[in-house]
Amino acid sequence: MSEIYFEYVAQGAYVKVSAIEPETKTEAVVVVPRGLSEEQMKYQALQKLSYILKKKAEE
């Protein structure tokens, strides 16, 4: 993972955070409480993206 793009969409009390890895065109989406810091939101999305990429590598 060289570069990761993050996208944030606020929806009421929650924020949908997308983490996109452009080389493999893999996207992970998490929904987190709006009260979290941007760093915490990125961490959650990055953890899910790492999990998805690990699963793809095992296939």
PDB file of N, CA and C in Angstrom:
ATOM      1  N   MET A   1       0.842  -1.179   0.000  1.00  0.00           N
ATOM      2  CA  MET A   1       0.000   0.000   0.000  1.00  0.00           C
ATOM      3  C   MET A   1       0.887   1.242   0.000  1.00  0.00           C
ATOM      4  N   SER A   2       0.973   1.845  -1.130  1.00  0.00           N
ATOM      5  CA  SER A   2       1.807   3.033  -1.219  1.00  0.00           C
ATOM      6  C   SER A   2       1.014   4.307  -0.923  1.00  0.00           C
ATOM      7  N   GLU A   3      -0.167   4.412  -1.486  1.00  0.00           N
ATOM      8  CA  GLU A   3      -0.978   5.609  -1.321  1.00  0.00           C
ATOM      9  C   GLU A   3      -2.420   5.189  -1.094  1.00  0.00           C
ATOM     10  N   ILE A   4      -3.062   5.814  -0.126  1.00  0.00           N
ATOM     11  CA  ILE A   4      -4.453   5.504   0.190  1.00  0.00           C
ATOM     12  C   ILE A   4      -5.248   6.803   0.104  1.00  0.00           C
ATOM     13  N   TYR A   5      -6.402   6.733  -0.562  1.00  0.00           N
ATOM     14  CA  TYR A   5      -7.314   7.872  -0.639  1.00  0.00           C
ATOM     15  C   TYR A   5      -8.437   7.658   0.371  1.00  0.00           C
ATOM     16  N   PHE A   6      -8.835   8.717   1.048  1.00  0.00           N
ATOM     17  CA  PHE A   6      -9.932   8.652   2.001  1.00  0.00           C
ATOM     18  C   PHE A   6     -11.038   9.587   1.553  1.00  0.00           C
ATOM     19  N   GLU A   7     -12.274   9.128   1.742  1.00  0.00           N
ATOM     20  CA  GLU A   7     -13.449   9.928   1.414  1.00  0.00           C
ATOM     21  C   GLU A   7     -14.389   9.891   2.617  1.00  0.00           C
ATOM     22  N   TYR A   8     -14.939  11.036   2.980  1.00  0.00           N
ATOM     23  CA  TYR A   8     -15.821  11.143   4.134  1.00  0.00           C
ATOM     24  C   TYR A   8     -17.179  11.669   3.688  1.00  0.00           C
ATOM     25  N   VAL A   9     -18.239  10.991   4.133  1.00  0.00           N
ATOM     26  CA  VAL A   9     -19.604  11.442   3.845  1.00  0.00           C
ATOM     27  C   VAL A   9     -20.383  11.426   5.155  1.00  0.00           C
ATOM     28  N   ALA A  10     -20.728  12.604   5.639  1.00  0.00           N
ATOM     29  CA  ALA A  10     -21.496  12.714   6.884  1.00  0.00           C
ATOM     30  C   ALA A  10     -22.960  12.397   6.610  1.00  0.00           C
ATOM     31  N   GLN A  11     -23.534  11.559   7.476  1.00  0.00           N
ATOM     32  CA  GLN A  11     -24.945  11.178   7.346  1.00  0.00           C
ATOM     33  C   GLN A  11     -25.551  11.167   8.746  1.00  0.00           C
ATOM     34  N   GLY A  12     -26.119  12.275   9.152  1.00  0.00           N
ATOM     35  CA  GLY A  12     -26.710  12.360  10.483  1.00  0.00           C
ATOM     36  C   GLY A  12     -25.641  12.278  11.561  1.00  0.00           C
ATOM     37  N   ALA A  13     -25.801  11.307  12.471  1.00  0.00           N
ATOM     38  CA  ALA A  13     -24.870  11.143  13.590  1.00  0.00           C
ATOM     39  C   ALA A  13     -23.658  10.305  13.211  1.00  0.00           C
ATOM     40  N   TYR A  14     -23.570   9.892  11.960  1.00  0.00           N
ATOM     41  CA  TYR A  14     -22.503   9.000  11.524  1.00  0.00           C
ATOM     42  C   TYR A  14     -21.754   9.565  10.325  1.00  0.00           C
ATOM     43  N   VAL A  15     -20.574   9.011  10.094  1.00  0.00           N
ATOM     44  CA  VAL A  15     -19.779   9.370   8.927  1.00  0.00           C
ATOM     45  C   VAL A  15     -19.396   8.088   8.213  1.00  0.00           C
ATOM     46  N   LYS A  16     -19.631   8.053   6.911  1.00  0.00           N
ATOM     47  CA  LYS A  16     -19.189   6.913   6.099  1.00  0.00           C
ATOM     48  C   LYS A  16     -17.792   7.252   5.594  1.00  0.00           C
ATOM     49  N   VAL A  17     -16.832   6.400   5.940  1.00  0.00           N
ATOM     50  CA  VAL A  17     -15.437   6.625   5.554  1.00  0.00           C
ATOM     51  C   VAL A  17     -15.033   5.533   4.570  1.00  0.00           C
ATOM     52  N   SER A  18     -14.557   5.951   3.409  1.00  0.00           N
ATOM     53  CA  SER A  18     -14.070   5.015   2.400  1.00  0.00           C
ATOM     54  C   SER A  18     -12.558   5.150   2.319  1.00  0.00           C
ATOM     55  N   ALA A  19     -11.869   4.008   2.308  1.00  0.00           N
ATOM     56  CA  ALA A  19     -10.422   3.977   2.100  1.00  0.00           C
ATOM     57  C   ALA A  19     -10.197   3.250   0.783  1.00  0.00           C
ATOM     58  N   ILE A  20      -9.493   3.882  -0.135  1.00  0.00           N
ATOM     59  CA  ILE A  20      -9.312   3.332  -1.481  1.00  0.00           C
ATOM     60  C   ILE A  20      -7.833   3.170  -1.777  1.00  0.00           C
ATOM     61  N   GLU A  21      -7.455   1.966  -2.208  1.00  0.00           N
ATOM     62  CA  GLU A  21      -6.079   1.670  -2.590  1.00  0.00           C
ATOM     63  C   GLU A  21      -6.063   1.619  -4.113  1.00  0.00           C
ATOM     64  N   PRO A  22      -5.491   2.628  -4.780  1.00  0.00           N
ATOM     65  CA  PRO A  22      -5.636   2.747  -6.231  1.00  0.00           C
ATOM     66  C   PRO A  22      -4.913   1.685  -7.059  1.00  0.00           C
ATOM     67  N   GLU A  23      -3.831   1.120  -6.562  1.00  0.00           N
ATOM     68  CA  GLU A  23      -3.098   0.125  -7.350  1.00  0.00           C
ATOM     69  C   GLU A  23      -3.927  -1.133  -7.598  1.00  0.00           C
ATOM     70  N   THR A  24      -4.621  -1.603  -6.552  1.00  0.00           N
ATOM     71  CA  THR A  24      -5.435  -2.811  -6.695  1.00  0.00           C
ATOM     72  C   THR A  24      -6.913  -2.480  -6.890  1.00  0.00           C
ATOM     73  N   LYS A  25      -7.229  -1.175  -6.850  1.00  0.00           N
ATOM     74  CA  LYS A  25      -8.622  -0.715  -6.977  1.00  0.00           C
ATOM     75  C   LYS A  25      -9.527  -1.358  -5.917  1.00  0.00           C
ATOM     76  N   THR A  26      -8.997  -1.447  -4.702  1.00  0.00           N
ATOM     77  CA  THR A  26      -9.725  -2.037  -3.587  1.00  0.00           C
ATOM     78  C   THR A  26     -10.255  -0.930  -2.696  1.00  0.00           C
ATOM     79  N   GLU A  27     -11.508  -1.095  -2.251  1.00  0.00           N
ATOM     80  CA  GLU A  27     -12.143  -0.096  -1.406  1.00  0.00           C
ATOM     81  C   GLU A  27     -12.701  -0.757  -0.157  1.00  0.00           C
ATOM     82  N   ALA A  28     -12.523  -0.093   0.970  1.00  0.00           N
ATOM     83  CA  ALA A  28     -13.116  -0.532   2.229  1.00  0.00           C
ATOM     84  C   ALA A  28     -13.961   0.619   2.753  1.00  0.00           C
ATOM     85  N   VAL A  29     -15.135   0.290   3.263  1.00  0.00           N
ATOM     86  CA  VAL A  29     -16.045   1.317   3.771  1.00  0.00           C
ATOM     87  C   VAL A  29     -16.427   0.962   5.209  1.00  0.00           C
ATOM     88  N   VAL A  30     -16.327   1.950   6.093  1.00  0.00           N
ATOM     89  CA  VAL A  30     -16.770   1.780   7.474  1.00  0.00           C
ATOM     90  C   VAL A  30     -17.700   2.934   7.813  1.00  0.00           C
ATOM     91  N   VAL A  31     -18.593   2.696   8.746  1.00  0.00           N
ATOM     92  CA  VAL A  31     -19.477   3.739   9.252  1.00  0.00           C
ATOM     93  C   VAL A  31     -19.119   3.939  10.715  1.00  0.00           C
ATOM     94  N   VAL A  32     -18.760   5.168  11.061  1.00  0.00           N
ATOM     95  CA  VAL A  32     -18.289   5.470  12.414  1.00  0.00           C
ATOM     96  C   VAL A  32     -19.097   6.623  12.999  1.00  0.00           C
ATOM     97  N   PRO A  33     -19.108   6.748  14.329  1.00  0.00           N
ATOM     98  CA  PRO A  33     -19.795   7.889  14.951  1.00  0.00           C
ATOM     99  C   PRO A  33     -19.147   9.208  14.549  1.00  0.00           C
ATOM    100  N   ARG A  34     -19.949  10.214  14.394  1.00  0.00           N
ATOM    101  CA  ARG A  34     -19.464  11.518  13.953  1.00  0.00           C
ATOM    102  C   ARG A  34     -18.486  12.152  14.944  1.00  0.00           C
ATOM    103  N   GLY A  35     -18.536  11.755  16.202  1.00  0.00           N
ATOM    104  CA  GLY A  35     -17.697  12.343  17.242  1.00  0.00           C
ATOM    105  C   GLY A  35     -16.239  11.918  17.203  1.00  0.00           C
ATOM    106  N   LEU A  36     -15.889  10.935  16.391  1.00  0.00           N
ATOM    107  CA  LEU A  36     -14.500  10.496  16.321  1.00  0.00           C
ATOM    108  C   LEU A  36     -13.638  11.538  15.614  1.00  0.00           C
ATOM    109  N   SER A  37     -12.351  11.532  15.944  1.00  0.00           N
ATOM    110  CA  SER A  37     -11.430  12.430  15.242  1.00  0.00           C
ATOM    111  C   SER A  37     -11.159  11.877  13.850  1.00  0.00           C
ATOM    112  N   GLU A  38     -10.641  12.730  12.977  1.00  0.00           N
ATOM    113  CA  GLU A  38     -10.321  12.285  11.618  1.00  0.00           C
ATOM    114  C   GLU A  38      -9.292  11.162  11.658  1.00  0.00           C
ATOM    115  N   GLU A  39      -8.343  11.249  12.569  1.00  0.00           N
ATOM    116  CA  GLU A  39      -7.316  10.210  12.705  1.00  0.00           C
ATOM    117  C   GLU A  39      -7.935   8.869  13.091  1.00  0.00           C
ATOM    118  N   GLN A  40      -8.902   8.884  14.013  1.00  0.00           N
ATOM    119  CA  GLN A  40      -9.580   7.654  14.420  1.00  0.00           C
ATOM    120  C   GLN A  40     -10.399   7.072  13.268  1.00  0.00           C
ATOM    121  N   MET A  41     -11.033   7.948  12.493  1.00  0.00           N
ATOM    122  CA  MET A  41     -11.811   7.486  11.340  1.00  0.00           C
ATOM    123  C   MET A  41     -10.894   6.818  10.319  1.00  0.00           C
ATOM    124  N   LYS A  42      -9.756   7.463  10.030  1.00  0.00           N
ATOM    125  CA  LYS A  42      -8.799   6.893   9.081  1.00  0.00           C
ATOM    126  C   LYS A  42      -8.298   5.540   9.567  1.00  0.00           C
ATOM    127  N   TYR A  43      -8.011   5.449  10.865  1.00  0.00           N
ATOM    128  CA  TYR A  43      -7.505   4.203  11.439  1.00  0.00           C
ATOM    129  C   TYR A  43      -8.497   3.064  11.228  1.00  0.00           C
ATOM    130  N   GLN A  44      -9.773   3.316  11.501  1.00  0.00           N
ATOM    131  CA  GLN A  44     -10.800   2.283  11.335  1.00  0.00           C
ATOM    132  C   GLN A  44     -10.887   1.817   9.882  1.00  0.00           C
ATOM    133  N   ALA A  45     -10.903   2.770   8.960  1.00  0.00           N
ATOM    134  CA  ALA A  45     -11.007   2.428   7.539  1.00  0.00           C
ATOM    135  C   ALA A  45      -9.753   1.704   7.057  1.00  0.00           C
ATOM    136  N   LEU A  46      -8.594   2.137   7.533  1.00  0.00           N
ATOM    137  CA  LEU A  46      -7.336   1.510   7.124  1.00  0.00           C
ATOM    138  C   LEU A  46      -7.226   0.080   7.645  1.00  0.00           C
ATOM    139  N   GLN A  47      -7.715  -0.155   8.847  1.00  0.00           N
ATOM    140  CA  GLN A  47      -7.702  -1.511   9.393  1.00  0.00           C
ATOM    141  C   GLN A  47      -8.557  -2.448   8.533  1.00  0.00           C
ATOM    142  N   LYS A  48      -9.725  -1.982   8.122  1.00  0.00           N
ATOM    143  CA  LYS A  48     -10.589  -2.808   7.283  1.00  0.00           C
ATOM    144  C   LYS A  48      -9.965  -3.026   5.911  1.00  0.00           C
ATOM    145  N   LEU A  49      -9.363  -1.981   5.341  1.00  0.00           N
ATOM    146  CA  LEU A  49      -8.702  -2.116   4.046  1.00  0.00           C
ATOM    147  C   LEU A  49      -7.556  -3.119   4.127  1.00  0.00           C
ATOM    148  N   SER A  50      -6.770  -3.064   5.180  1.00  0.00           N
ATOM    149  CA  SER A  50      -5.669  -4.012   5.366  1.00  0.00           C
ATOM    150  C   SER A  50      -6.192  -5.439   5.444  1.00  0.00           C
ATOM    151  N   TYR A  51      -7.298  -5.636   6.151  1.00  0.00           N
ATOM    152  CA  TYR A  51      -7.912  -6.948   6.269  1.00  0.00           C
ATOM    153  C   TYR A  51      -8.356  -7.463   4.896  1.00  0.00           C
ATOM    154  N   ILE A  52      -8.999  -6.605   4.118  1.00  0.00           N
ATOM    155  CA  ILE A  52      -9.478  -7.011   2.790  1.00  0.00           C
ATOM    156  C   ILE A  52      -8.311  -7.358   1.881  1.00  0.00           C
ATOM    157  N   LEU A  53      -7.258  -6.544   1.897  1.00  0.00           N
ATOM    158  CA  LEU A  53      -6.095  -6.816   1.046  1.00  0.00           C
ATOM    159  C   LEU A  53      -5.402  -8.114   1.463  1.00  0.00           C
ATOM    160  N   LYS A  54      -5.364  -8.381   2.760  1.00  0.00           N
ATOM    161  CA  LYS A  54      -4.762  -9.629   3.247  1.00  0.00           C
ATOM    162  C   LYS A  54      -5.574 -10.825   2.749  1.00  0.00           C
ATOM    163  N   LYS A  55      -6.887 -10.727   2.827  1.00  0.00           N
ATOM    164  CA  LYS A  55      -7.754 -11.808   2.345  1.00  0.00           C
ATOM    165  C   LYS A  55      -7.582 -12.042   0.845  1.00  0.00           C
ATOM    166  N   LYS A  56      -7.459 -10.944   0.074  1.00  0.00           N
ATOM    167  CA  LYS A  56      -7.258 -11.086  -1.370  1.00  0.00           C
ATOM    168  C   LYS A  56      -5.924 -11.781  -1.678  1.00  0.00           C
ATOM    169  N   ALA A  57      -4.907 -11.476  -0.881  1.00  0.00           N
ATOM    170  CA  ALA A  57      -3.588 -12.068  -1.095  1.00  0.00           C
ATOM    171  C   ALA A  57      -3.582 -13.563  -0.791  1.00  0.00           C
ATOM    172  N   GLU A  58      -4.457 -13.993   0.095  1.00  0.00           N
ATOM    173  CA  GLU A  58      -4.543 -15.406   0.476  1.00  0.00           C
ATOM    174  C   GLU A  58      -5.287 -16.238  -0.570  1.00  0.00           C
ATOM    175  N   GLU A  59      -6.012 -15.605  -1.453  1.00  0.00           N
ATOM    176  CA  GLU A  59      -6.811 -16.340  -2.468  1.00  0.00           C
ATOM    177  C   GLU A  59      -5.943 -16.987  -3.508  1.00  0.00           C
TER     178      GLU A  59
END
